[in-house]
């Protein structure tokens, strides 16, 4: 069973590494916004895997809190992106 947790953890860490590449390369702001949601979801998944491995219920609460914060981050980033886009359209 330990091998399963290691394989899943490595897969999730690779997922975050590929997300960092997407943030760096872009090409659009929408790609970057979706990648921030990917970070939140993957971070929650890593915490859930750690909670299953260590049988610690505290990590479940941390995962839920992390997920709520990730959702709020994406909403706020979307609002900023939307305002910038509207401002750019008004300028033209």
Protein backbone atom coordinates (compact mmCIF):
# COMPACT_ATOMS: atom_id res chain seq x y z
CA UNK A 1 0.00 0.00 0.00
CA UNK A 2 2.93 2.36 0.62
CA UNK A 3 3.92 2.06 -3.04
CA UNK A 4 0.49 3.26 -4.09
CA UNK A 5 0.77 6.42 -2.00
CA UNK A 6 4.26 7.10 -3.37
CA UNK A 7 3.13 6.67 -6.99
CA UNK A 8 0.12 8.93 -6.50
CA UNK A 9 2.23 11.57 -4.71
CA UNK A 10 4.86 11.58 -7.48
CA UNK A 11 2.12 11.89 -10.13
CA UNK A 12 0.58 14.86 -8.31
CA UNK A 13 3.95 16.58 -7.90
CA UNK A 14 4.63 16.13 -11.61
CA UNK A 15 1.21 17.64 -12.27
CA UNK A 16 2.24 20.75 -10.33
CA UNK A 17 5.58 20.90 -12.18
CA UNK A 18 3.80 20.82 -15.54
CA UNK A 19 1.43 23.51 -14.24
CA UNK A 20 4.40 25.73 -13.43
CA UNK A 21 5.54 25.38 -17.03
CA UNK A 22 2.06 26.43 -18.20
CA UNK A 23 2.13 29.48 -15.93
CA UNK A 24 5.53 30.47 -17.26
CA UNK A 25 4.74 29.94 -20.96
CA UNK A 26 1.16 31.17 -21.01
CA UNK A 27 0.14 31.96 -23.73
CA UNK A 28 -2.99 33.66 -22.38
CA UNK A 29 -4.21 34.93 -19.05
CA UNK A 30 -7.00 32.35 -19.14
CA UNK A 31 -4.39 29.57 -19.21
CA UNK A 32 -2.74 31.04 -16.16
CA UNK A 33 -6.08 31.33 -14.34
CA UNK A 34 -6.89 27.70 -15.00
CA UNK A 35 -3.44 26.70 -13.79
CA UNK A 36 -4.01 28.45 -10.46
CA UNK A 37 -7.13 26.34 -10.05
CA UNK A 38 -5.04 23.29 -10.93
CA UNK A 39 -2.62 24.19 -8.13
CA UNK A 40 -5.43 24.42 -5.62
CA UNK A 41 -7.00 21.14 -6.66
CA UNK A 42 -3.68 19.31 -6.82
CA UNK A 43 -2.61 20.71 -3.46
CA UNK A 44 -5.84 19.46 -1.96
CA UNK A 45 -5.29 16.05 -3.55
CA UNK A 46 -1.78 15.84 -2.09
CA UNK A 47 -3.14 16.65 1.35
CA UNK A 48 -5.85 14.02 0.95
CA UNK A 49 -3.27 11.40 -0.03
CA UNK A 50 -1.17 12.36 3.00
CA UNK A 51 -4.27 12.14 5.21
CA UNK A 52 -5.00 8.66 3.89
CA UNK A 53 -1.43 7.55 4.42
CA UNK A 54 -1.02 8.92 7.93
CA UNK A 55 -4.69 8.49 8.94
CA UNK A 56 -4.66 12.04 10.31
CA UNK A 57 -8.04 13.79 10.11
CA UNK A 58 -6.47 17.21 10.65
CA UNK A 59 -5.08 17.10 7.12
CA UNK A 60 -8.63 16.70 5.80
CA UNK A 61 -9.61 20.01 7.41
CA UNK A 62 -6.52 21.67 5.97
CA UNK A 63 -7.37 20.28 2.51
CA UNK A 64 -10.90 21.67 2.66
CA UNK A 65 -9.62 25.07 3.80
CA UNK A 66 -6.99 25.07 1.06
CA UNK A 67 -9.63 24.27 -1.54
CA UNK A 68 -11.89 27.14 -0.40
CA UNK A 69 -8.94 29.54 -0.56
CA UNK A 70 -8.05 28.32 -4.06
CA UNK A 71 -11.61 28.95 -5.23
CA UNK A 72 -11.56 32.46 -3.77
CA UNK A 73 -8.21 33.14 -5.44
CA UNK A 74 -9.50 32.12 -8.85
CA UNK A 75 -12.63 34.25 -8.44
CA UNK A 76 -10.59 37.31 -7.49
CA UNK A 77 -8.07 36.77 -10.31
CA UNK A 78 -10.92 36.40 -12.78
CA UNK A 79 -12.44 39.69 -11.60
CA UNK A 80 -9.11 41.49 -12.08
CA UNK A 81 -8.68 39.94 -15.53
CA UNK A 82 -12.24 40.92 -16.48
CA UNK A 83 -11.71 44.55 -15.39
CA UNK A 84 -8.44 44.78 -17.33
CA UNK A 85 -10.10 43.35 -20.41
CA UNK A 86 -13.00 45.79 -20.18
CA UNK A 87 -10.57 48.67 -19.72
CA UNK A 88 -8.58 47.55 -22.77
CA UNK A 89 -11.77 47.38 -24.84
CA UNK A 90 -12.82 50.86 -23.69
CA UNK A 91 -9.44 52.29 -24.69
CA UNK A 92 -9.76 51.11 -28.28
